[in-house]
Amino acid sequence: MIRHFFCFLALFLLMSRFGVSQTIKNLPQDYFVNPLDIDLKLSGTFGELRSNHFHSGLDIKTNQRTGATVHAAASGYVSRIKIERYGYGKALYITHPNGYTTVYAHLKKFSPRIESYLKKKQYEKESYAIQLFPSDLDLRVDQSEVVAYSGNSGGSGGPHLHFEIRDSAARPINPMMMGIEIPDTKRPLVKQIKAYPLNETSTIDGKNEAKLLRLIPLKGGKFKVAPFSAYGDIGIGVNTSDQQNGGPNQNGTFHMETFFNGTKNFEMTFDRYAFDESRHINQMIDYEHFKNTKSRISRLYIPNDSPLSLYEDHINKGVLQLYEAGTTHAYRIVIEDYKQNDVEINLSITNEEAPDSIPFPKDNHLTFVDHNMTYNKQSGPYSLMIPKGALYQSAFLDIEQSADTLKVHKDIIPLHKNMIISYDASAKKDDNLKQYYIGRVTSWGAVYHVNTRRKGNILSAATRTLGTYAISKDDLPPTIKPLNFKNKQWITKNKTIKLKVADKDTGIDGYRATVNGKFILLEYDYKTGILTHDFDDGIVTDTENELKVIVTDNVGNSTTFEATFFRKS
């Protein structure tokens, strides 16, 4: 028994030398098959850095087309169907006997059997947006069975299939670790390196401010950084991405680790995570740099109180402690994709003398907000509440109110929880308060609707974005325009009815359509503003048909469209 234990230990230590080998331990490698019957080329990888979240699957290209056949990656049953305007659009979830669930999103439509099940439920509920949880007996599927067709629904930026594998705890896991093969012989890319002083007494080249470092490419996938000096607690960050074969897309990497004077002091692997961790991406990246430049620098150290399970081995959370003046250190970064193509970056850092003093910026107009306490402020008709834990760390914020405008700093500091902005509209009580809303003011002066609630004369909105907010009024109803038919027209050859809807100020909130008084289903594509009814639903059976469509915006303004059309029954 002891002999077997030491054999196992030796094998484990050998595997631990290779990040990929270690992470696939105990995961099935031949259980799932590719969900598409085309060569898999990616426009997005697992764990890729996105706005406010990590990407939870693989985005598989479909040659810029919709309608590719989507196959069940393994036998199981359809456990969830979710249809929404945004997000995943049309999504299918299949639970498998081994405890894993696969997810297929941004679909165009489902296979006939699943589509029929869905449509029946949508008509029963009289709603396009719906979430269903079939039993394990309702919709069983076999491995490789066609279950759907790829599309561009929801928040998709172009035709593709979003594919996920989730474990029994509903955590997304990297599909490449489960035998989904993606050809990749390309090394990761390195774009920027940045050094950060992590407290008020630390310096980079004599200054208490972050600094982009000069990156020098070498041969064989190696880089070096122009030497620099530092003092105190220092962190390093890197802007990196990866490419797979078959496309130029710059996707996310798989594994990053750092070595300080030859000893590993930080490691991060994009293998699996829990959804409630995902928003901590805003703490992991240099958020201000991203907002100013649209490029993401990942911190190669662990921010205080970060719960991310993506972090692995570390010493002092990856923070470099540089205090002994004149000492020079070697710091090495290794970035690796799943196929173990890697790049290496070498830095030479010399400890500089402790600063005599560092001038504290004079920000008398700024307000100190302690992230460990709830902040409340009343200013004119506005009140502001920033709850405890909304800020990742305490900060000085520029909070100013002027007339109907409230400035809450600017969007260079992330919030983890919603702040609440309230406005007392008593001065406008003689007006139609239902048409007023709290909107976010852009740098170019446009005002974007924020979901606003009204209780009496008080308007309130919850948001996780710092910035400038103002009270606005929307008294313009939505517009409705028929696209493929006219009033009193014969449309027997039409397969669909299409209408374009729009709302200038607050956007479309809801809609409902009937033909001869009977509810008909309309599919809404918010990216194009098009409502579509499919005559294959079998609801329209009369020759003469009275169509009525009501569309409502986000403050309750509504427009009614009515028309007559004819079809041979």
Protein backbone atom coordinates (compact mmCIF):
# COMPACT_ATOMS: atom_id res chain seq x y z
CA MET A 1 0.00 0.00 0.00
CA ILE A 2 2.79 2.44 0.96
CA ARG A 3 4.69 1.53 -2.21
CA HIS A 4 1.59 2.25 -4.29
CA PHE A 5 1.12 5.56 -2.52
CA PHE A 6 4.65 6.72 -3.37
CA CYS A 7 4.23 5.59 -6.98
CA PHE A 8 1.09 7.65 -7.18
CA LEU A 9 2.82 10.62 -5.53
CA ALA A 10 5.70 10.45 -8.01
CA LEU A 11 3.26 10.34 -10.90
CA PHE A 12 1.32 13.28 -9.48
CA LEU A 13 4.44 15.39 -9.08
CA LEU A 14 5.46 14.59 -12.64
CA MET A 15 2.07 15.66 -13.92
CA SER A 16 2.21 18.83 -11.82
CA ARG A 17 5.10 20.04 -13.95
CA PHE A 18 2.67 20.46 -16.79
CA GLY A 19 -0.32 22.69 -16.06
CA VAL A 20 -2.55 21.15 -18.71
CA SER A 21 -1.93 17.58 -17.59
CA GLN A 22 -2.73 18.47 -14.01
CA THR A 23 -6.00 20.21 -14.78
CA ILE A 24 -7.49 17.44 -16.94
CA LYS A 25 -6.97 14.86 -14.21
CA ASN A 26 -10.17 12.88 -13.60
CA LEU A 27 -12.06 14.55 -16.47
CA PRO A 28 -13.63 12.40 -19.21
CA GLN A 29 -11.71 12.80 -22.48
CA ASP A 30 -13.86 10.84 -24.94
CA TYR A 31 -17.38 11.36 -23.63
CA PHE A 32 -18.34 14.46 -25.65
CA VAL A 33 -18.19 14.91 -29.41
CA ASN A 34 -17.98 18.14 -31.36
CA PRO A 35 -21.35 19.92 -31.50
CA LEU A 36 -20.90 20.94 -35.15
CA ASP A 37 -20.03 18.77 -38.14
CA ILE A 38 -17.56 21.33 -39.48
CA ASP A 39 -13.95 22.02 -38.55
CA LEU A 40 -13.95 23.85 -35.24
CA LYS A 41 -12.55 27.36 -35.49
CA LEU A 42 -12.92 29.74 -32.59
CA SER A 43 -13.86 33.37 -32.27
CA GLY A 44 -13.80 33.08 -28.47
CA THR A 45 -12.16 30.79 -25.90
CA PHE A 46 -13.09 29.71 -22.40
CA GLY A 47 -12.27 32.26 -19.69
CA GLU A 48 -11.66 35.00 -22.23
CA LEU A 49 -11.90 38.46 -20.69
CA ARG A 50 -15.21 40.12 -21.58
CA SER A 51 -17.07 43.17 -20.27
CA ASN A 52 -17.94 42.40 -16.63
CA HIS A 53 -17.51 38.63 -16.99
CA PHE A 54 -15.32 35.76 -18.07
CA HIS A 55 -16.44 33.95 -21.21
CA SER A 56 -18.03 30.70 -20.09
CA GLY A 57 -17.55 28.56 -23.19
CA LEU A 58 -16.24 28.32 -26.73
CA ASP A 59 -17.53 30.57 -29.51
CA ILE A 60 -17.38 28.37 -32.60
CA LYS A 61 -17.40 30.00 -36.02
CA THR A 62 -20.10 29.00 -38.51
CA ASN A 63 -18.56 30.57 -41.63
CA GLN A 64 -20.48 33.83 -41.07
CA ARG A 65 -23.75 32.00 -41.68
CA THR A 66 -26.68 30.83 -39.63
CA GLY A 67 -28.34 27.43 -39.94
CA ALA A 68 -25.44 25.04 -39.25
CA THR A 69 -26.69 21.79 -37.72
CA VAL A 70 -26.02 21.60 -33.99
CA HIS A 71 -25.58 18.11 -32.53
CA ALA A 72 -25.95 16.88 -28.97
CA ALA A 73 -22.40 16.42 -27.67
CA ALA A 74 -23.56 13.36 -25.71
CA SER A 75 -26.75 11.49 -24.94
CA GLY A 76 -29.03 12.94 -22.28
CA TYR A 77 -32.19 14.99 -21.99
CA VAL A 78 -33.13 18.61 -22.62
CA SER A 79 -33.26 20.02 -19.09
CA ARG A 80 -33.74 23.70 -19.88
CA ILE A 81 -34.83 25.91 -22.76
CA LYS A 82 -34.36 29.65 -22.36
CA ILE A 83 -35.55 32.26 -24.85
CA GLU A 84 -34.59 35.87 -24.18
CA ARG A 85 -34.11 39.02 -26.21
CA TYR A 86 -30.58 39.63 -24.99
CA GLY A 87 -27.88 37.42 -23.49
CA TYR A 88 -27.88 33.91 -24.96
CA GLY A 89 -30.94 34.55 -27.14
CA LYS A 90 -32.25 31.07 -27.93
CA ALA A 91 -30.44 28.57 -25.70
CA LEU A 92 -30.68 24.83 -25.11
CA TYR A 93 -29.34 22.92 -22.10
CA ILE A 94 -28.79 19.14 -22.20
CA THR A 95 -28.07 17.21 -19.00
CA HIS A 96 -26.04 14.02 -19.36
CA PRO A 97 -25.89 10.86 -17.23
CA ASN A 98 -22.34 11.64 -16.10
CA GLY A 99 -23.56 14.76 -14.28
CA TYR A 100 -22.37 17.34 -16.81
CA THR A 101 -24.61 19.71 -18.76
CA THR A 102 -23.87 21.10 -22.23
CA VAL A 103 -25.20 24.46 -23.36
CA TYR A 104 -25.87 25.62 -26.94
CA ALA A 105 -26.63 29.33 -27.35
CA HIS A 106 -27.41 32.10 -29.86
CA LEU A 107 -29.42 29.56 -31.84
CA LYS A 108 -31.64 30.25 -34.84
CA LYS A 109 -34.17 27.52 -34.08
CA PHE A 110 -34.47 24.06 -32.58
CA SER A 111 -35.04 20.66 -34.16
CA PRO A 112 -38.74 20.09 -35.07
CA ARG A 113 -39.49 18.00 -31.96
CA ILE A 114 -37.99 20.57 -29.58
CA GLU A 115 -39.40 23.51 -31.55
CA SER A 116 -42.90 22.05 -31.32
CA TYR A 117 -42.55 21.58 -27.55
CA LEU A 118 -41.32 25.17 -27.17
CA LYS A 119 -44.01 26.80 -29.34
CA LYS A 120 -46.78 25.03 -27.44
CA LYS A 121 -45.47 26.45 -24.15
CA GLN A 122 -44.97 29.94 -25.63
CA TYR A 123 -48.56 30.04 -26.83
CA GLU A 124 -49.82 28.77 -23.51
CA LYS A 125 -47.97 31.57 -21.75
CA GLU A 126 -48.56 34.06 -24.61
CA SER A 127 -44.92 35.15 -24.44
CA TYR A 128 -41.89 34.92 -26.73
CA ALA A 129 -39.44 35.20 -23.80
CA ILE A 130 -39.76 32.02 -21.75
CA GLN A 131 -37.78 29.62 -19.61
CA LEU A 132 -38.71 25.94 -19.49
CA PHE A 133 -37.43 23.00 -17.45
CA PRO A 134 -38.55 19.77 -19.14
CA SER A 135 -38.46 16.55 -17.15
CA ASP A 136 -35.96 13.81 -17.92
CA LEU A 137 -38.69 12.01 -19.87
CA ASP A 138 -39.94 14.88 -22.07
CA LEU A 139 -37.11 15.48 -24.54
CA ARG A 140 -34.47 12.74 -24.50
CA VAL A 141 -31.69 13.01 -27.08
CA ASP A 142 -28.97 10.73 -28.39
CA GLN A 143 -25.35 11.64 -28.93
CA SER A 144 -24.85 13.43 -32.29
CA GLU A 145 -28.62 13.91 -32.74
CA VAL A 146 -29.48 17.22 -34.42
CA VAL A 147 -31.02 19.36 -31.69
CA ALA A 148 -30.84 22.87 -33.16
CA TYR A 149 -29.49 25.15 -35.86
CA SER A 150 -26.88 27.82 -35.23
CA GLY A 151 -27.88 31.45 -35.32
CA ASN A 152 -27.17 35.00 -34.21
CA SER A 153 -29.85 35.51 -31.55
CA GLY A 154 -29.58 37.48 -28.33
CA GLY A 155 -26.43 39.44 -27.61
CA SER A 156 -24.40 37.69 -30.30
CA GLY A 157 -22.06 39.91 -32.28
CA GLY A 158 -22.27 37.70 -35.38
CA PRO A 159 -23.29 34.18 -36.45
CA HIS A 160 -21.67 31.51 -34.29
CA LEU A 161 -22.41 28.75 -31.80
CA HIS A 162 -21.69 29.40 -28.14
CA PHE A 163 -20.93 26.00 -26.57
CA GLU A 164 -20.46 25.25 -22.87
CA ILE A 165 -19.86 22.32 -20.59
CA ARG A 166 -20.94 22.74 -16.96
CA ASP A 167 -20.17 20.41 -14.08
CA SER A 168 -22.66 19.07 -11.53
CA ALA A 169 -22.27 22.27 -9.48
CA ALA A 170 -23.30 24.31 -12.56
CA ARG A 171 -19.78 25.71 -12.93
CA PRO A 172 -18.59 26.21 -16.51
CA ILE A 173 -15.51 24.17 -17.36
CA ASN A 174 -13.11 24.58 -20.27
CA PRO A 175 -14.41 22.25 -23.04
CA MET A 176 -10.86 21.74 -24.32
CA MET A 177 -10.20 19.86 -21.09
CA MET A 178 -13.02 17.46 -21.97
CA GLY A 179 -11.70 16.28 -25.32
CA ILE A 180 -13.08 18.99 -27.62
CA GLU A 181 -10.23 19.34 -30.09
CA ILE A 182 -9.22 22.75 -31.45
CA PRO A 183 -6.12 22.80 -33.71
CA ASP A 184 -3.59 25.28 -32.33
CA THR A 185 0.09 25.63 -33.16
CA LYS A 186 0.34 29.38 -32.55
CA ARG A 187 2.01 31.00 -29.56
CA PRO A 188 0.13 33.52 -27.39
CA LEU A 189 0.57 37.21 -28.17
CA VAL A 190 2.01 39.76 -25.75
CA LYS A 191 1.06 43.42 -26.20
CA GLN A 192 1.77 45.36 -23.01
CA ILE A 193 3.50 45.05 -19.63
CA LYS A 194 2.70 47.38 -16.76
CA ALA A 195 4.11 47.83 -13.25
CA TYR A 196 1.99 49.01 -10.32
CA PRO A 197 2.94 50.57 -6.96
CA LEU A 198 0.46 48.91 -4.59
CA ASN A 199 0.44 51.47 -1.78
CA GLU A 200 1.20 55.14 -1.21
CA THR A 201 4.87 54.56 -0.30
CA SER A 202 5.79 52.33 -3.27
CA THR A 203 7.43 53.70 -6.42
CA ILE A 204 8.19 52.75 -10.00
CA ASP A 205 11.23 54.61 -11.37
CA GLY A 206 10.87 57.10 -8.53
CA LYS A 207 7.17 57.84 -8.94
CA ASN A 208 4.13 56.61 -7.07
CA GLU A 209 2.23 55.82 -10.23
CA ALA A 210 1.71 52.85 -12.54
CA LYS A 211 3.95 52.69 -15.60
CA LEU A 212 3.82 50.90 -18.95
CA LEU A 213 7.15 49.19 -19.52
CA ARG A 214 9.02 48.88 -22.81
CA LEU A 215 8.56 45.40 -24.26
CA ILE A 216 11.39 44.05 -26.45
CA PRO A 217 10.65 41.00 -28.67
CA LEU A 218 13.33 38.34 -29.01
CA LYS A 219 13.53 35.11 -30.99
CA GLY A 220 11.77 31.85 -30.11
CA GLY A 221 8.71 33.30 -28.41
CA LYS A 222 10.66 35.26 -25.84
CA PHE A 223 10.54 38.89 -24.75
CA LYS A 224 12.49 41.05 -22.40
CA VAL A 225 11.53 44.29 -20.73
CA ALA A 226 13.75 47.33 -20.50
CA PRO A 227 15.25 47.38 -16.96
CA PHE A 228 13.53 49.57 -14.39
CA SER A 229 13.73 50.28 -10.69
CA ALA A 230 11.13 50.05 -7.99
CA TYR A 231 10.58 50.28 -4.26
CA GLY A 232 8.01 48.73 -1.93
CA ASP A 233 5.09 46.47 -2.76
CA ILE A 234 4.90 46.12 -6.53
CA GLY A 235 2.57 44.28 -8.89
CA ILE A 236 3.02 43.40 -12.56
CA GLY A 237 0.30 43.15 -15.22
CA VAL A 238 0.24 41.84 -18.79
CA ASN A 239 -1.96 42.39 -21.82
CA THR A 240 -2.01 39.08 -23.67
CA SER A 241 -4.20 37.05 -26.01
CA ASP A 242 -4.03 33.82 -28.00
CA GLN A 243 -4.80 32.69 -31.54
CA GLN A 244 -5.80 29.25 -32.74
CA ASN A 245 -5.33 27.84 -36.23
CA GLY A 246 -7.95 28.80 -38.78
CA GLY A 247 -8.48 32.45 -37.90
CA PRO A 248 -6.97 35.76 -36.84
CA ASN A 249 -9.20 36.20 -33.78
CA GLN A 250 -7.35 37.23 -30.65
CA ASN A 251 -8.83 35.04 -27.94
CA GLY A 252 -8.08 34.32 -24.31
CA THR A 253 -5.09 32.39 -22.98
CA PHE A 254 -5.22 29.31 -20.76
CA HIS A 255 -2.44 29.51 -18.20
CA MET A 256 -0.15 32.18 -16.72
CA GLU A 257 2.54 31.83 -14.10
CA THR A 258 5.34 34.01 -12.79
CA PHE A 259 8.71 33.34 -11.15
CA PHE A 260 10.55 35.69 -8.81
CA ASN A 261 14.27 34.96 -8.59
CA GLY A 262 13.60 31.46 -9.88
CA THR A 263 10.74 30.61 -7.49
CA LYS A 264 7.15 30.41 -8.70
CA ASN A 265 5.15 33.14 -6.98
CA PHE A 266 1.88 33.30 -8.96
CA GLU A 267 -0.24 30.98 -11.10
CA MET A 268 -3.59 31.34 -12.85
CA THR A 269 -5.41 28.75 -14.98
CA PHE A 270 -8.61 29.31 -16.94
CA ASP A 271 -10.04 25.86 -16.32
CA ARG A 272 -13.34 26.39 -14.47
CA TYR A 273 -15.03 28.93 -12.22
CA ALA A 274 -18.38 29.68 -10.58
CA PHE A 275 -20.71 32.21 -12.17
CA ASP A 276 -20.89 34.26 -8.98
CA GLU A 277 -17.14 34.86 -9.30
CA SER A 278 -17.33 36.24 -12.81
CA ARG A 279 -17.85 39.93 -12.08
CA HIS A 280 -14.56 39.94 -10.14
CA ILE A 281 -12.93 40.23 -13.56
CA ASN A 282 -13.23 43.99 -12.97
CA GLN A 283 -10.94 43.60 -9.98
CA MET A 284 -8.55 41.28 -11.80
CA ILE A 285 -7.92 43.63 -14.71
CA ASP A 286 -6.65 47.22 -14.73
CA TYR A 287 -10.18 48.64 -15.03
CA GLU A 288 -9.17 52.25 -15.56
CA HIS A 289 -6.72 51.26 -18.30
CA PHE A 290 -9.47 49.26 -20.01
CA LYS A 291 -11.96 52.12 -19.87
CA ASN A 292 -9.42 54.56 -21.27
CA THR A 293 -7.86 52.35 -23.96
CA LYS A 294 -10.25 49.37 -24.52
CA SER A 295 -7.36 46.97 -23.85
CA ARG A 296 -7.28 44.64 -20.86
CA ILE A 297 -4.23 44.19 -18.66
CA SER A 298 -4.48 41.19 -16.32
CA ARG A 299 -2.92 41.67 -12.91
CA LEU A 300 -0.36 38.96 -12.13
CA TYR A 301 -1.09 39.23 -8.44
CA ILE A 302 -4.19 38.64 -6.36
CA PRO A 303 -6.14 41.76 -5.34
CA ASN A 304 -7.30 41.95 -1.74
CA ASP A 305 -10.41 39.86 -0.95
CA SER A 306 -10.63 38.39 -4.45
CA PRO A 307 -12.49 35.04 -4.36
CA LEU A 308 -11.47 33.90 -7.85
CA SER A 309 -10.86 30.16 -7.95
CA LEU A 310 -8.82 30.67 -11.14
CA TYR A 311 -5.87 31.56 -8.92
CA GLU A 312 -3.61 28.66 -7.92
CA ASP A 313 -0.14 28.57 -6.35
CA HIS A 314 1.21 31.88 -5.11
CA ILE A 315 3.63 33.45 -2.67
CA ASN A 316 2.44 36.65 -0.99
CA LYS A 317 -0.41 36.74 -3.55
CA GLY A 318 2.14 37.35 -6.29
CA VAL A 319 3.11 40.77 -4.88
CA LEU A 320 6.81 41.66 -5.19
CA GLN A 321 8.31 43.12 -2.01
CA LEU A 322 11.28 45.26 -3.04
CA TYR A 323 12.87 47.02 -0.08
CA GLU A 324 16.64 46.41 0.03
CA ALA A 325 18.14 49.20 -2.08
CA GLY A 326 20.53 48.19 -4.85
CA THR A 327 19.38 44.58 -5.09
CA THR A 328 18.51 43.37 -8.60
CA HIS A 329 15.84 40.73 -9.16
CA ALA A 330 14.87 38.46 -12.03
CA TYR A 331 11.16 38.20 -12.74
CA ARG A 332 9.82 35.82 -15.38
CA ILE A 333 6.34 35.45 -16.88
CA VAL A 334 5.25 32.33 -18.77
CA ILE A 335 1.99 32.48 -20.76
CA GLU A 336 0.64 29.25 -22.20
CA ASP A 337 -2.32 28.18 -24.32
CA TYR A 338 -4.11 24.87 -23.91
CA LYS A 339 -1.85 23.13 -26.45
CA GLN A 340 1.17 24.32 -24.43
CA ASN A 341 2.39 26.81 -27.01
CA ASP A 342 4.02 29.41 -24.80
CA VAL A 343 5.80 32.73 -24.58
CA GLU A 344 8.24 33.92 -21.94
CA ILE A 345 8.86 37.47 -20.71
CA ASN A 346 11.91 38.34 -18.61
CA LEU A 347 12.19 41.43 -16.44
CA SER A 348 15.12 42.83 -14.49
CA ILE A 349 14.09 44.96 -11.51
CA THR A 350 16.49 46.91 -9.31
CA ASN A 351 15.43 48.04 -5.85
CA GLU A 352 15.62 51.82 -5.55
CA GLU A 353 16.04 53.92 -2.42
CA ALA A 354 13.01 54.52 -0.28
CA PRO A 355 11.46 57.88 -1.20
CA ASP A 356 12.00 60.75 1.25
CA SER A 357 8.38 61.74 0.83
CA ILE A 358 5.65 61.38 -1.72
CA PRO A 359 3.44 64.42 -2.31
CA PHE A 360 -0.20 63.62 -1.57
CA PRO A 361 -2.48 64.90 -4.33
CA LYS A 362 -4.66 67.83 -3.32
CA ASP A 363 -8.17 66.62 -4.07
CA ASN A 364 -10.13 68.75 -1.65
CA HIS A 365 -13.30 68.44 -3.71
CA LEU A 366 -13.22 64.65 -3.66
CA THR A 367 -15.21 62.52 -1.23
CA PHE A 368 -13.61 59.58 0.56
CA VAL A 369 -15.79 56.46 0.33
CA ASP A 370 -14.83 53.57 2.60
CA HIS A 371 -15.57 50.27 0.84
CA ASN A 372 -16.25 48.65 4.23
CA MET A 373 -19.12 51.03 5.00
CA THR A 374 -22.35 52.05 3.30
CA TYR A 375 -22.15 55.59 1.92
CA ASN A 376 -25.23 57.84 1.87
CA LYS A 377 -25.47 61.36 0.54
CA GLN A 378 -28.37 63.78 0.02
CA SER A 379 -27.77 66.60 -2.44
CA GLY A 380 -30.63 68.75 -3.72
CA PRO A 381 -33.34 66.49 -5.16
CA TYR A 382 -30.91 63.57 -5.36
CA SER A 383 -29.92 60.93 -2.86
CA LEU A 384 -27.09 58.46 -3.44
CA MET A 385 -26.42 55.16 -1.68
CA ILE A 386 -23.27 53.13 -2.33
CA PRO A 387 -23.58 49.93 -0.28
CA LYS A 388 -20.84 48.31 1.73
CA GLY A 389 -18.70 46.14 -0.55
CA ALA A 390 -19.75 47.85 -3.76
CA LEU A 391 -16.24 49.24 -4.17
CA TYR A 392 -13.42 46.71 -4.28
CA GLN A 393 -11.29 49.13 -2.30
CA SER A 394 -11.79 52.52 -0.68
CA ALA A 395 -11.55 55.46 -3.07
CA PHE A 396 -11.80 59.22 -3.41
CA LEU A 397 -14.81 59.96 -5.61
CA ASP A 398 -15.89 63.13 -7.37
CA ILE A 399 -19.56 63.48 -6.35
CA GLU A 400 -21.32 66.66 -7.44
CA GLN A 401 -24.95 67.67 -8.00
CA SER A 402 -26.16 70.47 -10.25
CA ALA A 403 -29.85 71.08 -10.99
CA ASP A 404 -31.21 67.81 -12.45
CA THR A 405 -27.76 66.24 -12.87
CA LEU A 406 -25.74 64.09 -10.48
CA LYS A 407 -22.09 63.29 -11.14
CA VAL A 408 -20.78 60.19 -9.38
CA HIS A 409 -17.13 60.23 -10.40
CA LYS A 410 -16.53 58.64 -13.81
CA ASP A 411 -16.46 55.09 -15.07
CA ILE A 412 -12.83 54.32 -14.29
CA ILE A 413 -13.50 52.58 -10.95
CA PRO A 414 -15.58 49.36 -10.99
CA LEU A 415 -18.54 48.61 -8.75
CA HIS A 416 -19.31 45.07 -7.65
CA LYS A 417 -22.78 45.91 -6.32
CA ASN A 418 -25.44 48.36 -7.48
CA MET A 419 -25.42 51.87 -6.17
CA ILE A 420 -28.88 53.43 -5.81
CA ILE A 421 -29.65 56.86 -7.24
CA SER A 422 -32.94 58.45 -6.20
CA TYR A 423 -34.55 61.68 -7.35
CA ASP A 424 -37.38 63.61 -5.70
CA ALA A 425 -39.59 64.74 -8.59
CA SER A 426 -42.05 66.72 -6.44
CA ALA A 427 -41.23 69.85 -8.41
CA LYS A 428 -42.55 68.08 -11.53
CA LYS A 429 -45.70 66.67 -9.93
CA ASP A 430 -47.97 68.63 -12.24
CA ASP A 431 -46.35 66.86 -15.19
CA ASN A 432 -46.70 63.20 -16.20
CA LEU A 433 -44.18 61.63 -13.83
CA LYS A 434 -44.52 58.26 -15.56
CA GLN A 435 -42.61 59.68 -18.51
CA TYR A 436 -39.59 60.72 -16.44
CA TYR A 437 -36.60 58.45 -15.93
CA ILE A 438 -33.03 58.49 -14.67
CA GLY A 439 -30.57 58.29 -17.54
CA ARG A 440 -26.83 57.95 -17.84
CA VAL A 441 -25.19 60.87 -19.65
CA THR A 442 -22.42 59.95 -22.09
CA SER A 443 -19.32 62.00 -22.78
CA TRP A 444 -20.95 63.19 -26.02
CA GLY A 445 -24.14 64.29 -24.26
CA ALA A 446 -26.51 61.46 -25.12
CA VAL A 447 -28.74 60.15 -22.32
CA TYR A 448 -29.28 56.38 -22.02
CA HIS A 449 -32.23 55.00 -20.09
CA VAL A 450 -31.53 53.23 -16.80
CA ASN A 451 -34.31 51.01 -15.50
CA THR A 452 -36.22 53.43 -13.26
CA ARG A 453 -38.80 52.75 -10.59
CA ARG A 454 -41.31 55.28 -9.29
CA LYS A 455 -42.87 55.34 -5.84
CA GLY A 456 -44.99 58.42 -5.39
CA ASN A 457 -42.82 61.33 -6.46
CA ILE A 458 -39.54 59.45 -5.95
CA LEU A 459 -37.70 58.00 -8.94
CA SER A 460 -34.93 55.49 -8.27
CA ALA A 461 -32.47 53.49 -10.35
CA ALA A 462 -29.89 50.82 -9.52
CA THR A 463 -26.65 50.74 -11.50
CA ARG A 464 -23.13 49.33 -11.27
CA THR A 465 -21.60 52.05 -13.42
CA LEU A 466 -20.14 55.26 -12.05
CA GLY A 467 -20.69 58.36 -14.16
CA THR A 468 -23.05 61.27 -14.68
CA TYR A 469 -26.81 60.82 -14.38
CA ALA A 470 -29.68 63.14 -15.22
CA ILE A 471 -33.46 63.25 -15.14
CA SER A 472 -34.96 63.00 -18.61
CA LYS A 473 -38.44 62.79 -20.06
CA ASP A 474 -39.68 60.48 -22.81
CA ASP A 475 -43.02 61.58 -24.24
CA LEU A 476 -42.52 60.04 -27.67
CA PRO A 477 -44.26 56.71 -28.34
CA PRO A 478 -42.58 53.85 -30.25
CA THR A 479 -42.84 53.61 -34.02
CA ILE A 480 -44.13 50.55 -35.93
CA LYS A 481 -43.59 50.00 -39.64
CA PRO A 482 -44.67 46.93 -41.70
CA LEU A 483 -41.81 45.53 -43.79
CA ASN A 484 -43.16 42.76 -46.02
CA PHE A 485 -46.84 43.59 -46.37
CA LYS A 486 -49.28 46.48 -46.76
CA ASN A 487 -52.76 47.12 -45.43
CA LYS A 488 -55.44 45.15 -47.31
CA GLN A 489 -52.87 43.16 -49.26
CA TRP A 490 -52.97 39.50 -50.27
CA ILE A 491 -49.88 37.81 -48.76
CA THR A 492 -50.59 34.12 -49.41
CA LYS A 493 -46.99 33.52 -50.52
CA ASN A 494 -45.51 35.13 -47.42
CA LYS A 495 -43.99 32.76 -44.89
CA THR A 496 -43.82 35.52 -42.28
CA ILE A 497 -45.09 38.89 -41.18
CA LYS A 498 -42.33 41.34 -40.38
CA LEU A 499 -42.56 44.74 -38.68
CA LYS A 500 -39.82 47.13 -37.65
CA VAL A 501 -40.21 48.78 -34.26
CA ALA A 502 -38.13 51.52 -32.67
CA ASP A 503 -38.16 53.92 -29.76
CA LYS A 504 -35.95 56.97 -29.79
CA ASP A 505 -35.43 57.58 -26.08
CA THR A 506 -35.92 54.67 -23.70
CA GLY A 507 -36.16 51.61 -25.96
CA ILE A 508 -38.73 48.87 -26.46
CA ASP A 509 -40.04 47.23 -23.31
CA GLY A 510 -42.91 45.02 -24.43
CA TYR A 511 -45.18 44.08 -27.31
CA ARG A 512 -48.24 41.99 -28.03
CA ALA A 513 -49.94 40.96 -31.28
CA THR A 514 -53.27 39.37 -32.18
CA VAL A 515 -54.89 38.24 -35.41
CA ASN A 516 -58.69 38.24 -35.32
CA GLY A 517 -58.44 38.54 -31.56
CA LYS A 518 -56.17 35.49 -31.15
CA PHE A 519 -52.66 35.87 -29.73
CA ILE A 520 -49.83 35.33 -32.20
CA LEU A 521 -46.19 34.86 -31.35
CA LEU A 522 -43.72 37.52 -32.45
CA GLU A 523 -39.97 36.95 -32.30
CA TYR A 524 -38.05 40.14 -31.50
CA ASP A 525 -34.50 40.78 -32.72
CA TYR A 526 -33.39 43.84 -30.78
CA LYS A 527 -30.28 44.28 -32.94
CA THR A 528 -32.41 44.95 -36.03
CA GLY A 529 -35.60 46.05 -34.30
CA ILE A 530 -37.62 43.49 -36.29
CA LEU A 531 -40.68 41.59 -35.04
CA THR A 532 -41.43 38.39 -36.96
CA HIS A 533 -44.41 36.04 -36.96
CA ASP A 534 -44.03 32.65 -38.63
CA PHE A 535 -47.21 31.45 -40.39
CA ASP A 536 -46.04 27.85 -39.80
CA ASP A 537 -47.27 28.33 -36.23
CA GLY A 538 -50.69 27.53 -37.68
CA ILE A 539 -52.57 30.26 -35.82
CA VAL A 540 -53.60 32.30 -38.87
CA THR A 541 -56.18 30.17 -40.73
CA ASP A 542 -58.78 32.66 -41.98
CA THR A 543 -58.85 34.36 -45.36
CA GLU A 544 -59.45 37.87 -44.02
CA ASN A 545 -57.31 38.77 -41.02
CA GLU A 546 -57.25 41.74 -38.70
CA LEU A 547 -53.77 42.29 -37.28
CA LYS A 548 -53.27 44.34 -34.13
CA VAL A 549 -49.84 45.04 -32.66
CA ILE A 550 -49.24 47.06 -29.48
CA VAL A 551 -45.69 48.13 -28.63
CA THR A 552 -44.68 49.81 -25.35
CA ASP A 553 -41.49 51.65 -24.41
CA ASN A 554 -39.71 51.64 -21.06
CA VAL A 555 -41.74 54.48 -19.53
CA GLY A 556 -45.13 53.20 -20.70
CA ASN A 557 -45.72 55.13 -23.93
CA SER A 558 -47.44 52.82 -26.38
CA THR A 559 -48.33 52.65 -30.06
CA THR A 560 -51.01 50.51 -31.67
CA PHE A 561 -50.69 49.33 -35.27
CA GLU A 562 -53.66 47.81 -37.09
CA ALA A 563 -53.92 46.39 -40.59
CA THR A 564 -55.93 43.92 -42.63
CA PHE A 565 -54.30 41.22 -44.74
CA PHE A 566 -55.65 38.33 -46.79
CA ARG A 567 -54.42 34.75 -47.21
CA LYS A 568 -55.86 31.72 -48.92
CA SER A 569 -56.91 29.29 -46.23
